[in-house]
Protein backbone atom coordinates (compact mmCIF):
# COMPACT_ATOMS: atom_id res chain seq x y z
CA MET A 1 42.12 23.32 -51.03
CA THR A 2 42.38 26.06 -53.57
CA VAL A 3 42.29 29.78 -52.93
CA LEU A 4 38.91 29.95 -54.66
CA MET A 5 37.36 27.43 -52.28
CA ILE A 6 38.76 29.26 -49.25
CA ALA A 7 37.34 32.54 -50.53
CA ILE A 8 33.94 30.95 -51.17
CA TYR A 9 33.84 29.38 -47.70
CA VAL A 10 34.83 32.67 -46.04
CA VAL A 11 32.23 34.72 -47.93
CA PHE A 12 29.42 32.23 -47.31
CA GLY A 13 30.50 31.78 -43.69
CA VAL A 14 30.37 35.51 -42.98
CA ALA A 15 27.01 35.78 -44.75
CA ALA A 16 25.66 32.85 -42.71
CA LEU A 17 26.82 34.42 -39.44
CA LEU A 18 25.16 37.73 -40.32
CA THR A 19 21.99 35.89 -41.28
CA MET A 20 21.98 33.95 -38.01
CA TRP A 21 22.37 37.27 -36.21
CA ARG A 22 19.22 38.53 -37.97
CA ILE A 23 17.35 35.36 -37.01
CA VAL A 24 18.24 35.83 -33.34
CA ILE A 25 17.78 39.62 -33.16
CA GLY A 26 15.00 40.10 -35.75
CA PRO A 27 12.25 42.25 -34.28
CA SER A 28 9.39 40.46 -36.02
CA ILE A 29 8.52 36.99 -37.21
CA LEU A 30 8.67 38.17 -40.82
CA ASP A 31 12.26 39.38 -40.38
CA ARG A 32 13.17 35.99 -38.98
CA ALA A 33 11.37 34.21 -41.83
CA VAL A 34 13.22 36.23 -44.47
CA ALA A 35 16.51 35.55 -42.71
CA ALA A 36 15.74 31.83 -42.61
CA ASP A 37 15.04 31.91 -46.36
CA VAL A 38 18.33 33.71 -46.92
CA LEU A 39 20.13 31.09 -44.85
CA LEU A 40 18.59 28.28 -46.90
CA THR A 41 19.60 30.11 -50.06
CA LEU A 42 23.15 30.40 -48.77
CA VAL A 43 23.23 26.67 -48.11
CA LEU A 44 21.95 26.03 -51.64
CA CYS A 45 24.57 28.32 -53.14
CA MET A 46 27.33 26.70 -51.12
CA LEU A 47 26.27 23.23 -52.22
CA GLY A 48 26.06 24.44 -55.81
CA ALA A 49 29.53 25.99 -55.64
CA GLU A 50 30.92 22.78 -54.16
CA MET A 51 29.31 20.78 -56.97
CA VAL A 52 30.83 23.02 -59.63
CA ILE A 53 34.29 23.04 -58.06
CA ASN A 54 34.40 19.25 -57.57
CA ASP A 55 32.59 18.49 -60.85
CA HIS A 56 29.80 16.22 -59.59
CA THR A 57 26.02 16.20 -59.16
CA ARG A 58 25.65 14.08 -56.03
CA SER A 59 24.25 16.97 -53.97
CA LEU A 60 21.41 17.72 -56.35
CA THR A 61 18.78 15.78 -54.38
CA ALA A 62 19.78 17.54 -51.16
CA MET A 63 19.48 20.87 -52.94
CA LEU A 64 15.97 19.99 -54.14
CA VAL A 65 14.90 18.99 -50.63
CA ILE A 66 16.34 22.18 -49.11
CA ALA A 67 14.62 24.32 -51.75
CA SER A 68 11.26 22.64 -51.15
CA VAL A 69 11.59 23.07 -47.38
CA GLY A 70 12.27 26.76 -47.94
CA VAL A 71 9.24 27.22 -50.19
CA PHE A 72 6.85 25.33 -47.91
CA GLY A 73 8.22 27.13 -44.86
CA SER A 74 7.67 30.52 -46.45
CA ILE A 75 4.14 29.60 -47.45
CA SER A 76 3.25 28.35 -43.98
CA ILE A 77 4.66 31.46 -42.29
CA ALA A 78 2.80 33.73 -44.72
CA ARG A 79 -0.46 31.90 -44.01
CA PHE A 80 0.15 32.11 -40.26
CA VAL A 81 0.82 35.85 -40.37
CA ALA A 82 -2.17 36.47 -42.65
CA ARG A 83 -4.46 34.50 -40.33
CA ARG A 84 -3.11 36.35 -37.28
CA ASP A 85 -3.62 39.73 -38.96
CA LYS A 86 -7.16 38.75 -39.91
CA GLN A 87 -7.97 37.84 -36.27
CA GLU A 88 -6.59 41.13 -34.96
CA ARG A 89 -8.98 43.18 -37.12
């Protein structure tokens, strides 16, 4: 394992731990949703970095699935919050 890979894993690991902390502690559902999107983005970046370092494209389908889950999750949470705000008025 090269020094670059170790540095990448450490940086993404620390970022993932801080993001998980925000998911657990987040005061509102929107804070948790943003943190979940950040966590998915971190996973995408880590897979992309691994693909570049190892010179392959085998993880591309997994990256597409993760990205689509993130988009659909964000849309569903936004619709839920908008509907809840509309009912409170």
